[in-house]
Amino acid sequence: MSRRADGGGFAASVSIRSGRGSMTHDRVMRFVAQFDTSDQAERFATQQAMDWIERPASPADPFIASAAA
């Protein structure tokens, strides 16, 4: 997602939802960087989401630790 920032550029954010039913978890990331175009902001957010999704699961992640219990 992108939105017009106060400084005139565009800010990027992304929402990643996982799970089902009452175990649904939504992670929202809002980024500080500003971009010249909405398209640049959306590409950045998409890449950040893909990097997060593809990273190995870590036992230190509180959501993963509670799901394993």
PDB file of N, CA and C in Angstrom:
ATOM      1  N   MET A   1       0.842  -1.170   0.000  1.00  0.00           N
ATOM      2  CA  MET A   1       0.000   0.000   0.000  1.00  0.00           C
ATOM      3  C   MET A   1       0.892   1.239   0.000  1.00  0.00           C
ATOM      4  N   SER A   2       0.371   2.312  -0.530  1.00  0.00           N
ATOM      5  CA  SER A   2       1.073   3.581  -0.455  1.00  0.00           C
ATOM      6  C   SER A   2       0.063   4.679  -0.146  1.00  0.00           C
ATOM      7  N   ARG A   3       0.576   5.741   0.422  1.00  0.00           N
ATOM      8  CA  ARG A   3      -0.276   6.900   0.717  1.00  0.00           C
ATOM      9  C   ARG A   3       0.569   8.155   0.588  1.00  0.00           C
ATOM     10  N   ARG A   4      -0.070   9.256   0.326  1.00  0.00           N
ATOM     11  CA  ARG A   4       0.629  10.533   0.215  1.00  0.00           C
ATOM     12  C   ARG A   4       1.121  10.935   1.598  1.00  0.00           C
ATOM     13  N   ALA A   5       2.400  11.237   1.712  1.00  0.00           N
ATOM     14  CA  ALA A   5       3.003  11.633   2.986  1.00  0.00           C
ATOM     15  C   ALA A   5       2.936  13.153   3.132  1.00  0.00           C
ATOM     16  N   ASP A   6       3.110  13.624   4.358  1.00  0.00           N
ATOM     17  CA  ASP A   6       3.072  15.057   4.635  1.00  0.00           C
ATOM     18  C   ASP A   6       4.119  15.829   3.842  1.00  0.00           C
ATOM     19  N   GLY A   7       5.268  15.242   3.613  1.00  0.00           N
ATOM     20  CA  GLY A   7       6.342  15.919   2.909  1.00  0.00           C
ATOM     21  C   GLY A   7       6.159  15.977   1.397  1.00  0.00           C
ATOM     22  N   GLY A   8       5.067  15.442   0.890  1.00  0.00           N
ATOM     23  CA  GLY A   8       4.803  15.471  -0.535  1.00  0.00           C
ATOM     24  C   GLY A   8       5.155  14.196  -1.265  1.00  0.00           C
ATOM     25  N   GLY A   9       5.947  13.322  -0.641  1.00  0.00           N
ATOM     26  CA  GLY A   9       6.283  12.040  -1.256  1.00  0.00           C
ATOM     27  C   GLY A   9       5.220  11.000  -0.940  1.00  0.00           C
ATOM     28  N   PHE A  10       5.603   9.760  -1.073  1.00  0.00           N
ATOM     29  CA  PHE A  10       4.694   8.647  -0.784  1.00  0.00           C
ATOM     30  C   PHE A  10       5.319   7.738   0.259  1.00  0.00           C
ATOM     31  N   ALA A  11       4.514   7.303   1.205  1.00  0.00           N
ATOM     32  CA  ALA A  11       4.944   6.381   2.252  1.00  0.00           C
ATOM     33  C   ALA A  11       4.429   4.981   1.909  1.00  0.00           C
ATOM     34  N   ALA A  12       5.193   3.976   2.308  1.00  0.00           N
ATOM     35  CA  ALA A  12       4.849   2.584   2.021  1.00  0.00           C
ATOM     36  C   ALA A  12       4.446   1.864   3.295  1.00  0.00           C
ATOM     37  N   SER A  13       3.517   0.924   3.161  1.00  0.00           N
ATOM     38  CA  SER A  13       3.158   0.040   4.265  1.00  0.00           C
ATOM     39  C   SER A  13       2.672  -1.275   3.670  1.00  0.00           C
ATOM     40  N   VAL A  14       2.667  -2.300   4.509  1.00  0.00           N
ATOM     41  CA  VAL A  14       2.223  -3.613   4.044  1.00  0.00           C
ATOM     42  C   VAL A  14       1.562  -4.340   5.214  1.00  0.00           C
ATOM     43  N   SER A  15       0.571  -5.157   4.900  1.00  0.00           N
ATOM     44  CA  SER A  15      -0.107  -5.981   5.889  1.00  0.00           C
ATOM     45  C   SER A  15       0.002  -7.436   5.448  1.00  0.00           C
ATOM     46  N   ILE A  16       0.487  -8.290   6.356  1.00  0.00           N
ATOM     47  CA  ILE A  16       0.636  -9.715   6.057  1.00  0.00           C
ATOM     48  C   ILE A  16      -0.235 -10.485   7.032  1.00  0.00           C
ATOM     49  N   ARG A  17      -1.196 -11.208   6.516  1.00  0.00           N
ATOM     50  CA  ARG A  17      -2.120 -11.981   7.348  1.00  0.00           C
ATOM     51  C   ARG A  17      -1.791 -13.456   7.240  1.00  0.00           C
ATOM     52  N   SER A  18      -1.816 -14.146   8.369  1.00  0.00           N
ATOM     53  CA  SER A  18      -1.578 -15.584   8.377  1.00  0.00           C
ATOM     54  C   SER A  18      -2.546 -16.244   9.349  1.00  0.00           C
ATOM     55  N   GLY A  19      -2.672 -17.535   9.242  1.00  0.00           N
ATOM     56  CA  GLY A  19      -3.550 -18.293  10.129  1.00  0.00           C
ATOM     57  C   GLY A  19      -4.961 -18.385   9.604  1.00  0.00           C
ATOM     58  N   ARG A  20      -5.812 -19.007  10.421  1.00  0.00           N
ATOM     59  CA  ARG A  20      -7.218 -19.188  10.042  1.00  0.00           C
ATOM     60  C   ARG A  20      -8.111 -19.005  11.254  1.00  0.00           C
ATOM     61  N   GLY A  21      -9.305 -18.544  11.003  1.00  0.00           N
ATOM     62  CA  GLY A  21     -10.299 -18.422  12.066  1.00  0.00           C
ATOM     63  C   GLY A  21      -9.822 -17.574  13.221  1.00  0.00           C
ATOM     64  N   SER A  22      -9.972 -18.107  14.439  1.00  0.00           N
ATOM     65  CA  SER A  22      -9.582 -17.349  15.632  1.00  0.00           C
ATOM     66  C   SER A  22      -8.069 -17.278  15.806  1.00  0.00           C
ATOM     67  N   MET A  23      -7.322 -17.999  14.974  1.00  0.00           N
ATOM     68  CA  MET A  23      -5.855 -17.974  15.046  1.00  0.00           C
ATOM     69  C   MET A  23      -5.250 -17.043  13.994  1.00  0.00           C
ATOM     70  N   THR A  24      -6.070 -16.171  13.411  1.00  0.00           N
ATOM     71  CA  THR A  24      -5.571 -15.240  12.407  1.00  0.00           C
ATOM     72  C   THR A  24      -4.670 -14.205  13.067  1.00  0.00           C
ATOM     73  N   HIS A  25      -3.554 -13.937  12.403  1.00  0.00           N
ATOM     74  CA  HIS A  25      -2.578 -12.960  12.887  1.00  0.00           C
ATOM     75  C   HIS A  25      -2.286 -12.000  11.740  1.00  0.00           C
ATOM     76  N   ASP A  26      -2.327 -10.706  12.017  1.00  0.00           N
ATOM     77  CA  ASP A  26      -2.075  -9.703  10.995  1.00  0.00           C
ATOM     78  C   ASP A  26      -0.888  -8.861  11.418  1.00  0.00           C
ATOM     79  N   ARG A  27       0.163  -8.862  10.608  1.00  0.00           N
ATOM     80  CA  ARG A  27       1.359  -8.066  10.887  1.00  0.00           C
ATOM     81  C   ARG A  27       1.338  -6.878   9.937  1.00  0.00           C
ATOM     82  N   VAL A  28       1.381  -5.670  10.490  1.00  0.00           N
ATOM     83  CA  VAL A  28       1.392  -4.451   9.689  1.00  0.00           C
ATOM     84  C   VAL A  28       2.751  -3.782   9.850  1.00  0.00           C
ATOM     85  N   MET A  29       3.368  -3.448   8.717  1.00  0.00           N
ATOM     86  CA  MET A  29       4.653  -2.754   8.742  1.00  0.00           C
ATOM     87  C   MET A  29       4.477  -1.426   8.017  1.00  0.00           C
ATOM     88  N   ARG A  30       4.865  -0.343   8.684  1.00  0.00           N
ATOM     89  CA  ARG A  30       4.860   0.987   8.070  1.00  0.00           C
ATOM     90  C   ARG A  30       6.303   1.452   8.008  1.00  0.00           C
ATOM     91  N   PHE A  31       6.713   1.927   6.870  1.00  0.00           N
ATOM     92  CA  PHE A  31       8.109   2.266   6.641  1.00  0.00           C
ATOM     93  C   PHE A  31       8.329   3.775   6.687  1.00  0.00           C
ATOM     94  N   VAL A  32       9.487   4.179   7.160  1.00  0.00           N
ATOM     95  CA  VAL A  32       9.837   5.585   7.333  1.00  0.00           C
ATOM     96  C   VAL A  32      10.207   6.236   6.000  1.00  0.00           C
ATOM     97  N   ALA A  33      10.861   5.494   5.136  1.00  0.00           N
ATOM     98  CA  ALA A  33      11.339   6.047   3.863  1.00  0.00           C
ATOM     99  C   ALA A  33      10.185   6.633   3.051  1.00  0.00           C
ATOM    100  N   GLN A  34      10.472   7.724   2.328  1.00  0.00           N
ATOM    101  CA  GLN A  34       9.488   8.311   1.423  1.00  0.00           C
ATOM    102  C   GLN A  34       9.976   8.149  -0.011  1.00  0.00           C
ATOM    103  N   PHE A  35       9.034   8.029  -0.926  1.00  0.00           N
ATOM    104  CA  PHE A  35       9.329   7.756  -2.329  1.00  0.00           C
ATOM    105  C   PHE A  35       8.709   8.833  -3.211  1.00  0.00           C
ATOM    106  N   ASP A  36       9.274   8.983  -4.409  1.00  0.00           N
ATOM    107  CA  ASP A  36       8.785   9.998  -5.343  1.00  0.00           C
ATOM    108  C   ASP A  36       7.430   9.644  -5.926  1.00  0.00           C
ATOM    109  N   THR A  37       7.178   8.341  -6.109  1.00  0.00           N
ATOM    110  CA  THR A  37       5.914   7.916  -6.720  1.00  0.00           C
ATOM    111  C   THR A  37       5.243   6.839  -5.877  1.00  0.00           C
ATOM    112  N   SER A  38       3.951   6.700  -6.081  1.00  0.00           N
ATOM    113  CA  SER A  38       3.185   5.657  -5.413  1.00  0.00           C
ATOM    114  C   SER A  38       3.694   4.276  -5.835  1.00  0.00           C
ATOM    115  N   ASP A  39       4.036   4.133  -7.110  1.00  0.00           N
ATOM    116  CA  ASP A  39       4.535   2.861  -7.625  1.00  0.00           C
ATOM    117  C   ASP A  39       5.831   2.446  -6.936  1.00  0.00           C
ATOM    118  N   GLN A  40       6.751   3.386  -6.727  1.00  0.00           N
ATOM    119  CA  GLN A  40       8.003   3.070  -6.031  1.00  0.00           C
ATOM    120  C   GLN A  40       7.719   2.605  -4.608  1.00  0.00           C
ATOM    121  N   ALA A  41       6.810   3.278  -3.925  1.00  0.00           N
ATOM    122  CA  ALA A  41       6.468   2.904  -2.553  1.00  0.00           C
ATOM    123  C   ALA A  41       5.856   1.511  -2.505  1.00  0.00           C
ATOM    124  N   GLU A  42       4.975   1.202  -3.442  1.00  0.00           N
ATOM    125  CA  GLU A  42       4.332  -0.113  -3.473  1.00  0.00           C
ATOM    126  C   GLU A  42       5.333  -1.221  -3.804  1.00  0.00           C
ATOM    127  N   ARG A  43       6.261  -0.961  -4.712  1.00  0.00           N
ATOM    128  CA  ARG A  43       7.295  -1.965  -5.021  1.00  0.00           C
ATOM    129  C   ARG A  43       8.170  -2.232  -3.802  1.00  0.00           C
ATOM    130  N   PHE A  44       8.538  -1.170  -3.077  1.00  0.00           N
ATOM    131  CA  PHE A  44       9.343  -1.334  -1.875  1.00  0.00           C
ATOM    132  C   PHE A  44       8.586  -2.165  -0.844  1.00  0.00           C
ATOM    133  N   ALA A  45       7.321  -1.839  -0.595  1.00  0.00           N
ATOM    134  CA  ALA A  45       6.517  -2.581   0.381  1.00  0.00           C
ATOM    135  C   ALA A  45       6.380  -4.047  -0.018  1.00  0.00           C
ATOM    136  N   THR A  46       6.171  -4.296  -1.291  1.00  0.00           N
ATOM    137  CA  THR A  46       6.047  -5.672  -1.774  1.00  0.00           C
ATOM    138  C   THR A  46       7.339  -6.453  -1.538  1.00  0.00           C
ATOM    139  N   GLN A  47       8.477  -5.828  -1.837  1.00  0.00           N
ATOM    140  CA  GLN A  47       9.763  -6.508  -1.629  1.00  0.00           C
ATOM    141  C   GLN A  47       9.999  -6.783  -0.146  1.00  0.00           C
ATOM    142  N   GLN A  48       9.658  -5.840   0.712  1.00  0.00           N
ATOM    143  CA  GLN A  48       9.822  -6.043   2.147  1.00  0.00           C
ATOM    144  C   GLN A  48       8.933  -7.192   2.629  1.00  0.00           C
ATOM    145  N   ALA A  49       7.713  -7.267   2.122  1.00  0.00           N
ATOM    146  CA  ALA A  49       6.802  -8.353   2.492  1.00  0.00           C
ATOM    147  C   ALA A  49       7.353  -9.704   2.044  1.00  0.00           C
ATOM    148  N   MET A  50       7.852  -9.765   0.807  1.00  0.00           N
ATOM    149  CA  MET A  50       8.402 -11.028   0.300  1.00  0.00           C
ATOM    150  C   MET A  50       9.624 -11.448   1.116  1.00  0.00           C
ATOM    151  N   ASP A  51      10.482 -10.501   1.462  1.00  0.00           N
ATOM    152  CA  ASP A  51      11.646 -10.819   2.297  1.00  0.00           C
ATOM    153  C   ASP A  51      11.204 -11.359   3.651  1.00  0.00           C
ATOM    154  N   TRP A  52      10.169 -10.759   4.248  1.00  0.00           N
ATOM    155  CA  TRP A  52       9.690 -11.205   5.556  1.00  0.00           C
ATOM    156  C   TRP A  52       9.063 -12.599   5.452  1.00  0.00           C
ATOM    157  N   ILE A  53       8.272 -12.816   4.426  1.00  0.00           N
ATOM    158  CA  ILE A  53       7.597 -14.108   4.243  1.00  0.00           C
ATOM    159  C   ILE A  53       8.607 -15.227   4.022  1.00  0.00           C
ATOM    160  N   GLU A  54       9.663 -14.947   3.279  1.00  0.00           N
ATOM    161  CA  GLU A  54      10.638 -15.979   2.920  1.00  0.00           C
ATOM    162  C   GLU A  54      11.697 -16.220   3.978  1.00  0.00           C
ATOM    163  N   ARG A  55      11.754 -15.394   5.018  1.00  0.00           N
ATOM    164  CA  ARG A  55      12.791 -15.590   6.032  1.00  0.00           C
ATOM    165  C   ARG A  55      12.485 -16.847   6.840  1.00  0.00           C
ATOM    166  N   PRO A  56      13.529 -17.531   7.301  1.00  0.00           N
ATOM    167  CA  PRO A  56      13.303 -18.741   8.104  1.00  0.00           C
ATOM    168  C   PRO A  56      12.577 -18.416   9.412  1.00  0.00           C
ATOM    169  N   ALA A  57      11.731 -19.308   9.840  1.00  0.00           N
ATOM    170  CA  ALA A  57      11.032 -19.139  11.118  1.00  0.00           C
ATOM    171  C   ALA A  57      12.052 -19.166  12.251  1.00  0.00           C
ATOM    172  N   SER A  58      11.823 -18.336  13.238  1.00  0.00           N
ATOM    173  CA  SER A  58      12.734 -18.250  14.372  1.00  0.00           C
ATOM    174  C   SER A  58      11.983 -18.566  15.655  1.00  0.00           C
ATOM    175  N   PRO A  59      12.554 -19.401  16.534  1.00  0.00           N
ATOM    176  CA  PRO A  59      11.892 -19.674  17.806  1.00  0.00           C
ATOM    177  C   PRO A  59      11.721 -18.420  18.660  1.00  0.00           C
ATOM    178  N   ALA A  60      12.488 -17.367  18.343  1.00  0.00           N
ATOM    179  CA  ALA A  60      12.381 -16.117  19.107  1.00  0.00           C
ATOM    180  C   ALA A  60      11.152 -15.317  18.718  1.00  0.00           C
ATOM    181  N   ASP A  61      10.513 -15.665  17.595  1.00  0.00           N
ATOM    182  CA  ASP A  61       9.298 -14.972  17.168  1.00  0.00           C
ATOM    183  C   ASP A  61       8.168 -15.369  18.113  1.00  0.00           C
ATOM    184  N   PRO A  62       7.580 -14.423  18.847  1.00  0.00           N
ATOM    185  CA  PRO A  62       6.560 -14.770  19.845  1.00  0.00           C
ATOM    186  C   PRO A  62       5.344 -15.475  19.249  1.00  0.00           C
ATOM    187  N   PHE A  63       4.977 -15.155  18.013  1.00  0.00           N
ATOM    188  CA  PHE A  63       3.825 -15.819  17.420  1.00  0.00           C
ATOM    189  C   PHE A  63       4.131 -17.287  17.144  1.00  0.00           C
ATOM    190  N   ILE A  64       5.319 -17.565  16.628  1.00  0.00           N
ATOM    191  CA  ILE A  64       5.709 -18.939  16.328  1.00  0.00           C
ATOM    192  C   ILE A  64       5.882 -19.725  17.619  1.00  0.00           C
ATOM    193  N   ALA A  65       6.476 -19.108  18.637  1.00  0.00           N
ATOM    194  CA  ALA A  65       6.690 -19.794  19.919  1.00  0.00           C
ATOM    195  C   ALA A  65       5.345 -20.166  20.549  1.00  0.00           C
ATOM    196  N   SER A  66       4.342 -19.277  20.505  1.00  0.00           N
ATOM    197  CA  SER A  66       3.057 -19.582  21.111  1.00  0.00           C
ATOM    198  C   SER A  66       2.286 -20.585  20.294  1.00  0.00           C
ATOM    199  N   ALA A  67       2.461 -20.600  18.972  1.00  0.00           N
ATOM    200  CA  ALA A  67       1.775 -21.564  18.113  1.00  0.00           C
ATOM    201  C   ALA A  67       2.310 -22.972  18.324  1.00  0.00           C
ATOM    202  N   ALA A  68       3.600 -23.088  18.672  1.00  0.00           N
ATOM    203  CA  ALA A  68       4.217 -24.399  18.867  1.00  0.00           C
ATOM    204  C   ALA A  68       3.850 -25.000  20.223  1.00  0.00           C
ATOM    205  N   ALA A  69       3.410 -24.183  21.165  1.00  0.00           N
ATOM    206  CA  ALA A  69       3.106 -24.667  22.521  1.00  0.00           C
ATOM    207  C   ALA A  69       1.849 -25.479  22.572  1.00  0.00           C
TER     208      ALA A  69
END
